[in-house]
Amino acid sequence: MELRDIEIFLVLAEELHFGRTAERLHVTPGRVSQSVGKAERTVGGRLFERTTRRVRLTPLGEQLRVDLADGYRRIQLGLRSAREAAAGTSGTLTLGTMGFMSRTVEGALTLFRSRCPDVRLRHREIHPPAPLDLLRAGEVDVALLWLPVEEADLTVGPVLRRSAVLLMTAANHPLAGRDPLGLEELGDCPMVRSATMPSYIAAAMSPYRTPSGRRIPDGPSARTWHELLSIVASGQAAAGVSDDTPCHYPWPDLAYTPIHDAAQVSWALVWRTDATDPLLRTFVETTAEWAASQPDDMGRKDPLRGAT
C-alpha cells in the first residue's frame, strides 16, 4: 500500500462514510472506492462492510487500522520534523557568548524563540582569552564576538550591539577613576594578555601601543574570564572590557574607568564558513532583523551605571 492509500483507509475507518472521506481528503468518492479496492486486494480480504445505509470495518479492517495508525503517525511526524529542519525552524542551535553578553541581546533571542518555538537554543560560555576555540572545535554553532575577526575559516555576520571600552583595574590602581583617562596614559600600565587570542582581536579591547607608538607592557596571561578578573583584582595588570561589565561584576576591589579616546567595539555573530545548517541561517536572519530595529547606539547605557 502506498502512503496515500494508507491515509485514505485510515480516514475512511474514522469517518465510515465515503462522501465525507472524499471531502476531507479533497478527492472524489470514486477515488476512495478505488483505493479501498486496491487495499483489499493487497491484504487478500474485505476491510469494510458496505450497504446502502452504512459502512463499517470488518474484523480484518479493524486489525489493519490498529496496526497502521501508529506507524502512519510516526511517518507524518518524521516528515514534519524533516520539513521543519530543512526550513530552519526546528532542531538544536548552540550559541556561544562571553559571560553576561547573551543578556545584552536578549531581545534578539526572544524574537528568535517566538518565531521558532520548536528550536532548542543552547548556550555555551566563551572565555575572552580564547574567543575562537569553541567555534573552531564545533562545540558552538555561532558565537557573539567583538570585532575585528578576520579569519579565512570564519564568517562575520550582523552587528548586534556596540559598546564603549573601559579600563578595568584594581580599585587602588593609579589610573582608577582618572578623569579624563586617555590611551596614551596606558604606556606604563601592564595589560592582561592571552597566548591564544590573535593580537589584532585583543588590541580592540586591550591595545599593545599608545597613540604615540609607545609599547604597552604585557602583564600575566589568562586562560579564562575568571583568571583575568583575579589577575586584575590583585593589581598585577589591567584589562580593557565592555561597558556592560561593571553592572555584572561590581567587585569592591575592581574599578572601571572610561577611556575617552578609545573607539567603540562592535559585537557581531560569527560562524564557521563551511556551515550549511538552515537553522543557523534562520537564526542569523532573525537576529539581523532585530538589530536593524534597534537605535543607532545599539542600546548602549551609561557605562558605569550599577558599578560600585
C-alpha atoms as a PDB file:
ATOM      1  CA  MET A   1       0.000   0.000   0.000  1.00  0.00           C
ATOM      2  CA  GLU A   2       1.207   3.462  -0.868  1.00  0.00           C
ATOM      3  CA  LEU A   3       1.174   6.209   1.747  1.00  0.00           C
ATOM      4  CA  ARG A   4      -1.826   7.933   0.125  1.00  0.00           C
ATOM      5  CA  ASP A   5      -3.823   4.687   0.168  1.00  0.00           C
ATOM      6  CA  ILE A   6      -2.976   4.214   3.857  1.00  0.00           C
ATOM      7  CA  GLU A   7      -4.201   7.751   4.536  1.00  0.00           C
ATOM      8  CA  ILE A   8      -7.463   7.126   2.675  1.00  0.00           C
ATOM      9  CA  PHE A   9      -8.014   3.846   4.538  1.00  0.00           C
ATOM     10  CA  LEU A  10      -7.423   5.439   7.973  1.00  0.00           C
ATOM     11  CA  VAL A  11      -9.691   8.422   7.279  1.00  0.00           C
ATOM     12  CA  LEU A  12     -12.456   6.137   5.986  1.00  0.00           C
ATOM     13  CA  ALA A  13     -12.042   3.934   9.067  1.00  0.00           C
ATOM     14  CA  GLU A  14     -12.663   7.064  11.145  1.00  0.00           C
ATOM     15  CA  GLU A  15     -15.452   8.661   9.105  1.00  0.00           C
ATOM     16  CA  LEU A  16     -17.174   5.435   7.964  1.00  0.00           C
ATOM     17  CA  HIS A  17     -18.601   7.462   5.082  1.00  0.00           C
ATOM     18  CA  PHE A  18     -17.225   7.607   1.538  1.00  0.00           C
ATOM     19  CA  GLY A  19     -18.545  11.096   0.827  1.00  0.00           C
ATOM     20  CA  ARG A  20     -17.172  12.682   3.982  1.00  0.00           C
ATOM     21  CA  THR A  21     -13.832  10.921   3.471  1.00  0.00           C
ATOM     22  CA  ALA A  22     -13.600  12.223  -0.085  1.00  0.00           C
ATOM     23  CA  GLU A  23     -14.468  15.756   1.040  1.00  0.00           C
ATOM     24  CA  ARG A  24     -11.931  15.690   3.872  1.00  0.00           C
ATOM     25  CA  LEU A  25      -9.128  14.476   1.611  1.00  0.00           C
ATOM     26  CA  HIS A  26     -10.150  16.628  -1.382  1.00  0.00           C
ATOM     27  CA  VAL A  27     -10.630  13.642  -3.688  1.00  0.00           C
ATOM     28  CA  THR A  28     -13.664  12.067  -5.381  1.00  0.00           C
ATOM     29  CA  PRO A  29     -15.733   9.261  -3.796  1.00  0.00           C
ATOM     30  CA  GLY A  30     -14.639   7.142  -6.741  1.00  0.00           C
ATOM     31  CA  ARG A  31     -11.009   7.646  -5.783  1.00  0.00           C
ATOM     32  CA  VAL A  32     -11.828   6.468  -2.243  1.00  0.00           C
ATOM     33  CA  SER A  33     -13.575   3.328  -3.564  1.00  0.00           C
ATOM     34  CA  GLN A  34     -10.667   2.629  -5.920  1.00  0.00           C
ATOM     35  CA  SER A  35      -8.160   2.940  -3.079  1.00  0.00           C
ATOM     36  CA  VAL A  36     -10.149   0.666  -0.782  1.00  0.00           C
ATOM     37  CA  GLY A  37     -10.441  -1.967  -3.510  1.00  0.00           C
ATOM     38  CA  LYS A  38      -6.688  -1.812  -4.063  1.00  0.00           C
ATOM     39  CA  ALA A  39      -6.032  -2.223  -0.334  1.00  0.00           C
ATOM     40  CA  GLU A  40      -8.383  -5.200  -0.104  1.00  0.00           C
ATOM     41  CA  ARG A  41      -6.639  -6.904  -2.996  1.00  0.00           C
ATOM     42  CA  THR A  42      -3.294  -6.250  -1.323  1.00  0.00           C
ATOM     43  CA  VAL A  43      -4.261  -7.828   2.014  1.00  0.00           C
ATOM     44  CA  GLY A  44      -6.462 -10.510   0.454  1.00  0.00           C
ATOM     45  CA  GLY A  45      -9.688  -9.805   2.327  1.00  0.00           C
ATOM     46  CA  ARG A  46     -12.527  -7.367   2.867  1.00  0.00           C
ATOM     47  CA  LEU A  47     -11.761  -4.370   5.046  1.00  0.00           C
ATOM     48  CA  PHE A  48     -15.203  -2.731   5.079  1.00  0.00           C
ATOM     49  CA  GLU A  49     -18.774  -3.965   5.014  1.00  0.00           C
ATOM     50  CA  ARG A  50     -20.759  -1.632   2.820  1.00  0.00           C
ATOM     51  CA  THR A  51     -24.521  -1.312   2.460  1.00  0.00           C
ATOM     52  CA  THR A  52     -26.720   1.480   1.178  1.00  0.00           C
ATOM     53  CA  ARG A  53     -27.198   2.655   4.758  1.00  0.00           C
ATOM     54  CA  ARG A  54     -23.823   2.286   6.448  1.00  0.00           C
ATOM     55  CA  VAL A  55     -20.153   1.465   6.258  1.00  0.00           C
ATOM     56  CA  ARG A  56     -18.311  -0.403   8.989  1.00  0.00           C
ATOM     57  CA  LEU A  57     -14.976  -2.085   9.473  1.00  0.00           C
ATOM     58  CA  THR A  58     -14.654  -5.826   9.253  1.00  0.00           C
ATOM     59  CA  PRO A  59     -12.571  -7.560  11.955  1.00  0.00           C
ATOM     60  CA  LEU A  60      -9.723  -7.670   9.408  1.00  0.00           C
ATOM     61  CA  GLY A  61     -10.181  -3.946   8.744  1.00  0.00           C
ATOM     62  CA  GLU A  62     -10.131  -3.135  12.450  1.00  0.00           C
ATOM     63  CA  GLN A  63      -6.922  -5.127  12.883  1.00  0.00           C
ATOM     64  CA  LEU A  64      -5.307  -3.300   9.968  1.00  0.00           C
ATOM     65  CA  ARG A  65      -6.448   0.076  11.337  1.00  0.00           C
ATOM     66  CA  VAL A  66      -4.808  -0.617  14.690  1.00  0.00           C
ATOM     67  CA  ASP A  67      -1.610  -1.869  13.071  1.00  0.00           C
ATOM     68  CA  LEU A  68      -1.291   1.051  10.631  1.00  0.00           C
ATOM     69  CA  ALA A  69      -2.393   4.030  12.753  1.00  0.00           C
ATOM     70  CA  ASP A  70       0.665   4.323  14.974  1.00  0.00           C
ATOM     71  CA  GLY A  71       3.098   3.801  12.122  1.00  0.00           C
ATOM     72  CA  TYR A  72       1.308   6.395   9.987  1.00  0.00           C
ATOM     73  CA  ARG A  73       1.501   8.964  12.804  1.00  0.00           C
ATOM     74  CA  ARG A  74       5.222   8.296  13.157  1.00  0.00           C
ATOM     75  CA  ILE A  75       5.746   8.756   9.430  1.00  0.00           C
ATOM     76  CA  GLN A  76       3.843  12.059   9.493  1.00  0.00           C
ATOM     77  CA  LEU A  77       5.835  13.297  12.480  1.00  0.00           C
ATOM     78  CA  GLY A  78       9.080  12.292  10.780  1.00  0.00           C
ATOM     79  CA  LEU A  79       8.132  14.146   7.595  1.00  0.00           C
ATOM     80  CA  ARG A  80       7.109  17.204   9.598  1.00  0.00           C
ATOM     81  CA  SER A  81      10.389  17.203  11.517  1.00  0.00           C
ATOM     82  CA  ALA A  82      12.355  16.886   8.278  1.00  0.00           C
ATOM     83  CA  ARG A  83      10.453  19.792   6.692  1.00  0.00           C
ATOM     84  CA  GLU A  84      10.991  21.977   9.758  1.00  0.00           C
ATOM     85  CA  ALA A  85      14.681  21.137   9.879  1.00  0.00           C
ATOM     86  CA  ALA A  86      15.045  21.955   6.178  1.00  0.00           C
ATOM     87  CA  ALA A  87      13.259  25.260   6.755  1.00  0.00           C
ATOM     88  CA  GLY A  88      15.407  26.072   9.788  1.00  0.00           C
ATOM     89  CA  THR A  89      12.511  26.037  12.269  1.00  0.00           C
ATOM     90  CA  SER A  90      13.402  23.044  14.445  1.00  0.00           C
ATOM     91  CA  GLY A  91      16.417  21.304  15.911  1.00  0.00           C
ATOM     92  CA  THR A  92      19.154  22.466  18.285  1.00  0.00           C
ATOM     93  CA  LEU A  93      21.390  25.507  17.921  1.00  0.00           C
ATOM     94  CA  THR A  94      24.310  26.240  20.249  1.00  0.00           C
ATOM     95  CA  LEU A  95      25.179  29.900  20.817  1.00  0.00           C
ATOM     96  CA  GLY A  96      28.496  30.874  22.359  1.00  0.00           C
ATOM     97  CA  THR A  97      28.714  34.102  24.354  1.00  0.00           C
ATOM     98  CA  MET A  98      31.123  35.681  26.809  1.00  0.00           C
ATOM     99  CA  GLY A  99      29.766  35.697  30.332  1.00  0.00           C
ATOM    100  CA  PHE A 100      26.813  38.058  30.529  1.00  0.00           C
ATOM    101  CA  MET A 101      26.789  39.054  26.846  1.00  0.00           C
ATOM    102  CA  SER A 102      23.749  36.927  25.971  1.00  0.00           C
ATOM    103  CA  ARG A 103      21.706  39.191  28.257  1.00  0.00           C
ATOM    104  CA  THR A 104      22.667  42.249  26.215  1.00  0.00           C
ATOM    105  CA  VAL A 105      20.990  40.757  23.103  1.00  0.00           C
ATOM    106  CA  GLU A 106      18.068  39.099  24.894  1.00  0.00           C
ATOM    107  CA  GLY A 107      15.663  40.934  22.599  1.00  0.00           C
ATOM    108  CA  ALA A 108      17.121  39.146  19.577  1.00  0.00           C
ATOM    109  CA  LEU A 109      16.948  35.770  21.322  1.00  0.00           C
ATOM    110  CA  THR A 110      13.356  36.391  22.399  1.00  0.00           C
ATOM    111  CA  LEU A 111      12.356  37.200  18.823  1.00  0.00           C
ATOM    112  CA  PHE A 112      14.028  34.033  17.566  1.00  0.00           C
ATOM    113  CA  ARG A 113      12.321  31.857  20.195  1.00  0.00           C
ATOM    114  CA  SER A 114       8.919  33.352  19.340  1.00  0.00           C
ATOM    115  CA  ARG A 115       9.367  32.512  15.662  1.00  0.00           C
ATOM    116  CA  CYS A 116      10.960  29.101  16.179  1.00  0.00           C
ATOM    117  CA  PRO A 117       9.368  27.667  19.334  1.00  0.00           C
ATOM    118  CA  ASP A 118      10.448  24.131  18.429  1.00  0.00           C
ATOM    119  CA  VAL A 119      14.135  25.050  18.381  1.00  0.00           C
ATOM    120  CA  ARG A 120      16.261  24.251  21.418  1.00  0.00           C
ATOM    121  CA  LEU A 121      18.655  27.170  21.872  1.00  0.00           C
ATOM    122  CA  ARG A 122      21.617  26.069  23.977  1.00  0.00           C
ATOM    123  CA  HIS A 123      24.241  28.371  25.497  1.00  0.00           C
ATOM    124  CA  ARG A 124      27.962  27.827  25.968  1.00  0.00           C
ATOM    125  CA  GLU A 125      30.345  30.221  27.682  1.00  0.00           C
ATOM    126  CA  ILE A 126      33.248  31.535  25.621  1.00  0.00           C
ATOM    127  CA  HIS A 127      36.251  32.751  27.587  1.00  0.00           C
ATOM    128  CA  PRO A 128      37.550  36.086  26.270  1.00  0.00           C
ATOM    129  CA  PRO A 129      41.208  34.930  26.190  1.00  0.00           C
ATOM    130  CA  ALA A 130      40.229  32.158  23.717  1.00  0.00           C
ATOM    131  CA  PRO A 131      37.276  33.506  21.716  1.00  0.00           C
ATOM    132  CA  LEU A 132      37.641  31.273  18.639  1.00  0.00           C
ATOM    133  CA  ASP A 133      38.396  27.885  20.191  1.00  0.00           C
ATOM    134  CA  LEU A 134      34.872  26.517  20.754  1.00  0.00           C
ATOM    135  CA  LEU A 135      33.720  27.772  17.364  1.00  0.00           C
ATOM    136  CA  ARG A 136      36.527  26.031  15.520  1.00  0.00           C
ATOM    137  CA  ALA A 137      36.086  22.869  17.590  1.00  0.00           C
ATOM    138  CA  GLY A 138      32.434  22.679  16.522  1.00  0.00           C
ATOM    139  CA  GLU A 139      31.208  22.966  20.118  1.00  0.00           C
ATOM    140  CA  VAL A 140      29.175  26.069  19.269  1.00  0.00           C
ATOM    141  CA  ASP A 141      27.344  26.782  16.008  1.00  0.00           C
ATOM    142  CA  VAL A 142      27.556  30.556  16.209  1.00  0.00           C
ATOM    143  CA  ALA A 143      29.259  32.979  18.582  1.00  0.00           C
ATOM    144  CA  LEU A 144      28.755  36.588  19.614  1.00  0.00           C
ATOM    145  CA  LEU A 145      32.251  38.090  19.468  1.00  0.00           C
ATOM    146  CA  TRP A 146      33.800  41.522  19.414  1.00  0.00           C
ATOM    147  CA  LEU A 147      35.331  42.656  16.151  1.00  0.00           C
ATOM    148  CA  PRO A 148      37.506  42.604  14.216  1.00  0.00           C
ATOM    149  CA  VAL A 149      37.508  38.895  13.348  1.00  0.00           C
ATOM    150  CA  GLU A 150      39.369  38.374  10.089  1.00  0.00           C
ATOM    151  CA  GLU A 151      39.887  34.613   9.774  1.00  0.00           C
ATOM    152  CA  ALA A 152      39.608  32.733   6.474  1.00  0.00           C
ATOM    153  CA  ASP A 153      37.600  29.881   8.011  1.00  0.00           C
ATOM    154  CA  LEU A 154      35.112  32.127   9.815  1.00  0.00           C
ATOM    155  CA  THR A 155      32.290  34.328   8.540  1.00  0.00           C
ATOM    156  CA  VAL A 156      31.262  37.565  10.267  1.00  0.00           C
ATOM    157  CA  GLY A 157      27.549  38.342  10.239  1.00  0.00           C
ATOM    158  CA  PRO A 158      25.338  41.140  11.531  1.00  0.00           C
ATOM    159  CA  VAL A 159      26.484  43.506  14.281  1.00  0.00           C
ATOM    160  CA  LEU A 160      24.082  43.105  17.209  1.00  0.00           C
ATOM    161  CA  ARG A 161      25.459  45.741  19.550  1.00  0.00           C
ATOM    162  CA  ARG A 162      28.226  48.257  20.183  1.00  0.00           C
ATOM    163  CA  SER A 163      29.955  49.106  23.431  1.00  0.00           C
ATOM    164  CA  ALA A 164      32.436  51.594  24.815  1.00  0.00           C
ATOM    165  CA  VAL A 165      35.749  50.325  26.213  1.00  0.00           C
ATOM    166  CA  LEU A 166      36.535  50.760  29.909  1.00  0.00           C
ATOM    167  CA  LEU A 167      39.816  50.171  31.681  1.00  0.00           C
ATOM    168  CA  MET A 168      39.304  47.572  34.401  1.00  0.00           C
ATOM    169  CA  THR A 169      41.886  47.883  37.178  1.00  0.00           C
ATOM    170  CA  ALA A 170      42.299  47.108  40.852  1.00  0.00           C
ATOM    171  CA  ALA A 171      40.441  49.631  42.972  1.00  0.00           C
ATOM    172  CA  ASN A 172      43.733  51.085  44.257  1.00  0.00           C
ATOM    173  CA  HIS A 173      45.396  51.278  40.832  1.00  0.00           C
ATOM    174  CA  PRO A 174      46.954  54.699  39.955  1.00  0.00           C
ATOM    175  CA  LEU A 175      44.655  55.023  36.917  1.00  0.00           C
ATOM    176  CA  ALA A 176      41.461  54.033  38.729  1.00  0.00           C
ATOM    177  CA  GLY A 177      38.924  56.834  38.420  1.00  0.00           C
ATOM    178  CA  ARG A 178      41.227  59.053  36.333  1.00  0.00           C
ATOM    179  CA  ASP A 179      39.125  61.712  34.612  1.00  0.00           C
ATOM    180  CA  PRO A 180      39.834  62.053  31.824  1.00  0.00           C
ATOM    181  CA  LEU A 181      41.775  58.897  31.003  1.00  0.00           C
ATOM    182  CA  GLY A 182      43.358  58.597  27.560  1.00  0.00           C
ATOM    183  CA  LEU A 183      45.040  55.766  25.687  1.00  0.00           C
ATOM    184  CA  GLU A 184      48.411  57.496  25.943  1.00  0.00           C
ATOM    185  CA  GLU A 185      48.361  57.015  29.720  1.00  0.00           C
ATOM    186  CA  LEU A 186      48.395  53.236  29.288  1.00  0.00           C
ATOM    187  CA  GLY A 187      52.072  53.353  28.316  1.00  0.00           C
ATOM    188  CA  ASP A 188      53.127  52.367  31.844  1.00  0.00           C
ATOM    189  CA  CYS A 189      50.149  50.100  32.570  1.00  0.00           C
ATOM    190  CA  PRO A 190      50.689  46.319  32.080  1.00  0.00           C
ATOM    191  CA  MET A 191      47.722  44.653  30.366  1.00  0.00           C
ATOM    192  CA  VAL A 192      46.473  41.092  30.779  1.00  0.00           C
ATOM    193  CA  ARG A 193      47.341  39.094  27.675  1.00  0.00           C
ATOM    194  CA  SER A 194      46.293  35.817  26.054  1.00  0.00           C
ATOM    195  CA  ALA A 195      48.585  33.249  24.489  1.00  0.00           C
ATOM    196  CA  THR A 196      45.853  32.039  22.098  1.00  0.00           C
ATOM    197  CA  MET A 197      43.913  35.142  21.020  1.00  0.00           C
ATOM    198  CA  PRO A 198      45.092  36.781  17.774  1.00  0.00           C
ATOM    199  CA  SER A 199      46.725  40.079  18.734  1.00  0.00           C
ATOM    200  CA  TYR A 200      44.646  42.130  16.294  1.00  0.00           C
ATOM    201  CA  ILE A 201      41.465  40.963  18.081  1.00  0.00           C
ATOM    202  CA  ALA A 202      42.911  41.566  21.543  1.00  0.00           C
ATOM    203  CA  ALA A 203      44.055  45.076  20.590  1.00  0.00           C
ATOM    204  CA  ALA A 204      40.466  46.273  20.113  1.00  0.00           C
ATOM    205  CA  MET A 205      39.965  45.921  23.876  1.00  0.00           C
ATOM    206  CA  SER A 206      43.486  45.971  25.296  1.00  0.00           C
ATOM    207  CA  PRO A 207      45.847  47.818  22.940  1.00  0.00           C
ATOM    208  CA  TYR A 208      49.530  46.953  22.555  1.00  0.00           C
ATOM    209  CA  ARG A 209      50.695  50.511  21.801  1.00  0.00           C
ATOM    210  CA  THR A 210      49.638  54.015  22.725  1.00  0.00           C
ATOM    211  CA  PRO A 211      48.630  56.507  20.010  1.00  0.00           C
ATOM    212  CA  SER A 212      52.208  57.887  20.004  1.00  0.00           C
ATOM    213  CA  GLY A 213      53.646  54.400  19.470  1.00  0.00           C
ATOM    214  CA  ARG A 214      54.834  53.578  22.996  1.00  0.00           C
ATOM    215  CA  ARG A 215      54.757  49.874  23.740  1.00  0.00           C
ATOM    216  CA  ILE A 216      52.210  48.981  26.455  1.00  0.00           C
ATOM    217  CA  PRO A 217      53.735  46.400  28.840  1.00  0.00           C
ATOM    218  CA  ASP A 218      52.488  42.824  28.772  1.00  0.00           C
ATOM    219  CA  GLY A 219      51.043  41.544  32.035  1.00  0.00           C
ATOM    220  CA  PRO A 220      50.301  37.931  33.013  1.00  0.00           C
ATOM    221  CA  SER A 221      48.391  35.662  30.627  1.00  0.00           C
ATOM    222  CA  ALA A 222      44.869  34.461  31.403  1.00  0.00           C
ATOM    223  CA  ARG A 223      43.143  31.377  30.052  1.00  0.00           C
ATOM    224  CA  THR A 224      39.624  32.100  31.364  1.00  0.00           C
ATOM    225  CA  TRP A 225      37.498  35.102  32.216  1.00  0.00           C
ATOM    226  CA  HIS A 226      37.732  34.499  35.963  1.00  0.00           C
ATOM    227  CA  GLU A 227      41.504  34.177  35.762  1.00  0.00           C
ATOM    228  CA  LEU A 228      41.513  37.574  34.071  1.00  0.00           C
ATOM    229  CA  LEU A 229      39.319  39.066  36.813  1.00  0.00           C
ATOM    230  CA  SER A 230      41.573  37.670  39.515  1.00  0.00           C
ATOM    231  CA  ILE A 231      44.736  38.993  37.874  1.00  0.00           C
ATOM    232  CA  VAL A 232      43.229  42.471  37.601  1.00  0.00           C
ATOM    233  CA  ALA A 233      41.763  42.481  41.118  1.00  0.00           C
ATOM    234  CA  SER A 234      45.169  41.524  42.530  1.00  0.00           C
ATOM    235  CA  GLY A 235      46.737  44.587  40.902  1.00  0.00           C
ATOM    236  CA  GLN A 236      49.075  42.632  38.590  1.00  0.00           C
ATOM    237  CA  ALA A 237      47.681  44.137  35.388  1.00  0.00           C
ATOM    238  CA  ALA A 238      44.717  45.955  33.837  1.00  0.00           C
ATOM    239  CA  ALA A 239      42.356  44.961  31.005  1.00  0.00           C
ATOM    240  CA  GLY A 240      40.059  46.632  28.530  1.00  0.00           C
ATOM    241  CA  VAL A 241      36.443  45.498  28.932  1.00  0.00           C
ATOM    242  CA  SER A 242      32.981  46.194  27.572  1.00  0.00           C
ATOM    243  CA  ASP A 243      30.969  48.962  29.212  1.00  0.00           C
ATOM    244  CA  ASP A 244      28.418  46.386  30.452  1.00  0.00           C
ATOM    245  CA  THR A 245      30.985  44.714  32.701  1.00  0.00           C
ATOM    246  CA  PRO A 246      30.558  46.951  35.787  1.00  0.00           C
ATOM    247  CA  CYS A 247      26.873  46.016  36.031  1.00  0.00           C
ATOM    248  CA  HIS A 248      27.662  42.312  36.159  1.00  0.00           C
ATOM    249  CA  TYR A 249      30.972  42.311  38.050  1.00  0.00           C
ATOM    250  CA  PRO A 250      30.734  45.114  40.633  1.00  0.00           C
ATOM    251  CA  TRP A 251      33.525  43.668  42.770  1.00  0.00           C
ATOM    252  CA  PRO A 252      34.643  46.069  45.506  1.00  0.00           C
ATOM    253  CA  ASP A 253      38.301  45.507  44.601  1.00  0.00           C
ATOM    254  CA  LEU A 254      37.748  46.369  40.908  1.00  0.00           C
ATOM    255  CA  ALA A 255      37.450  49.804  39.308  1.00  0.00           C
ATOM    256  CA  TYR A 256      36.137  50.729  35.866  1.00  0.00           C
ATOM    257  CA  THR A 257      37.324  53.899  34.176  1.00  0.00           C
ATOM    258  CA  PRO A 258      36.130  55.190  30.767  1.00  0.00           C
ATOM    259  CA  ILE A 259      38.844  55.724  28.156  1.00  0.00           C
ATOM    260  CA  HIS A 260      37.716  58.879  26.399  1.00  0.00           C
ATOM    261  CA  ASP A 261      39.609  58.349  23.124  1.00  0.00           C
ATOM    262  CA  ALA A 262      39.100  54.574  22.746  1.00  0.00           C
ATOM    263  CA  ALA A 263      36.985  53.539  19.754  1.00  0.00           C
ATOM    264  CA  GLN A 264      33.707  51.724  20.317  1.00  0.00           C
ATOM    265  CA  VAL A 265      33.755  47.963  19.898  1.00  0.00           C
ATOM    266  CA  SER A 266      31.213  46.207  17.691  1.00  0.00           C
ATOM    267  CA  TRP A 267      29.838  42.777  18.626  1.00  0.00           C
ATOM    268  CA  ALA A 268      28.738  40.504  15.786  1.00  0.00           C
ATOM    269  CA  LEU A 269      27.686  36.933  15.104  1.00  0.00           C
ATOM    270  CA  VAL A 270      30.494  34.743  13.794  1.00  0.00           C
ATOM    271  CA  TRP A 271      30.241  31.177  12.450  1.00  0.00           C
ATOM    272  CA  ARG A 272      32.291  28.648  10.535  1.00  0.00           C
ATOM    273  CA  THR A 273      32.348  29.498   6.855  1.00  0.00           C
ATOM    274  CA  ASP A 274      31.641  25.899   5.828  1.00  0.00           C
ATOM    275  CA  ALA A 275      28.463  25.707   7.963  1.00  0.00           C
ATOM    276  CA  THR A 276      25.329  24.962   5.903  1.00  0.00           C
ATOM    277  CA  ASP A 277      22.685  24.367   8.595  1.00  0.00           C
ATOM    278  CA  PRO A 278      19.374  26.056   7.610  1.00  0.00           C
ATOM    279  CA  LEU A 279      18.699  26.649  11.309  1.00  0.00           C
ATOM    280  CA  LEU A 280      21.846  28.776  11.536  1.00  0.00           C
ATOM    281  CA  ARG A 281      20.680  30.812   8.559  1.00  0.00           C
ATOM    282  CA  THR A 282      17.290  31.383  10.204  1.00  0.00           C
ATOM    283  CA  PHE A 283      18.968  32.488  13.448  1.00  0.00           C
ATOM    284  CA  VAL A 284      21.262  34.933  11.659  1.00  0.00           C
ATOM    285  CA  GLU A 285      18.414  36.417   9.610  1.00  0.00           C
ATOM    286  CA  THR A 286      16.166  36.822  12.659  1.00  0.00           C
ATOM    287  CA  THR A 287      18.804  38.450  14.839  1.00  0.00           C
ATOM    288  CA  ALA A 288      19.830  40.754  11.986  1.00  0.00           C
ATOM    289  CA  GLU A 289      16.214  41.886  11.685  1.00  0.00           C
ATOM    290  CA  TRP A 290      16.147  42.619  15.414  1.00  0.00           C
ATOM    291  CA  ALA A 291      19.410  44.575  15.235  1.00  0.00           C
ATOM    292  CA  ALA A 292      18.073  46.691  12.366  1.00  0.00           C
ATOM    293  CA  SER A 293      15.156  47.762  14.561  1.00  0.00           C
ATOM    294  CA  GLN A 294      17.402  49.000  17.387  1.00  0.00           C
ATOM    295  CA  PRO A 295      18.650  52.581  17.898  1.00  0.00           C
ATOM    296  CA  ASP A 296      21.926  53.532  16.232  1.00  0.00           C
ATOM    297  CA  ASP A 297      23.792  53.137  19.538  1.00  0.00           C
ATOM    298  CA  MET A 298      22.527  49.522  19.842  1.00  0.00           C
ATOM    299  CA  GLY A 299      21.025  50.247  23.237  1.00  0.00           C
ATOM    300  CA  ARG A 300      24.219  51.430  24.958  1.00  0.00           C
ATOM    301  CA  LYS A 301      23.709  52.611  28.509  1.00  0.00           C
ATOM    302  CA  ASP A 302      25.712  54.711  30.935  1.00  0.00           C
ATOM    303  CA  PRO A 303      28.896  52.593  31.137  1.00  0.00           C
ATOM    304  CA  LEU A 304      29.253  52.990  34.884  1.00  0.00           C
ATOM    305  CA  ARG A 305      25.609  52.669  35.904  1.00  0.00           C
ATOM    306  CA  GLY A 306      25.329  49.968  38.529  1.00  0.00           C
ATOM    307  CA  ALA A 307      29.068  49.924  39.284  1.00  0.00           C
ATOM    308  CA  THR A 308      30.322  50.304  42.799  1.00  0.00           C
END
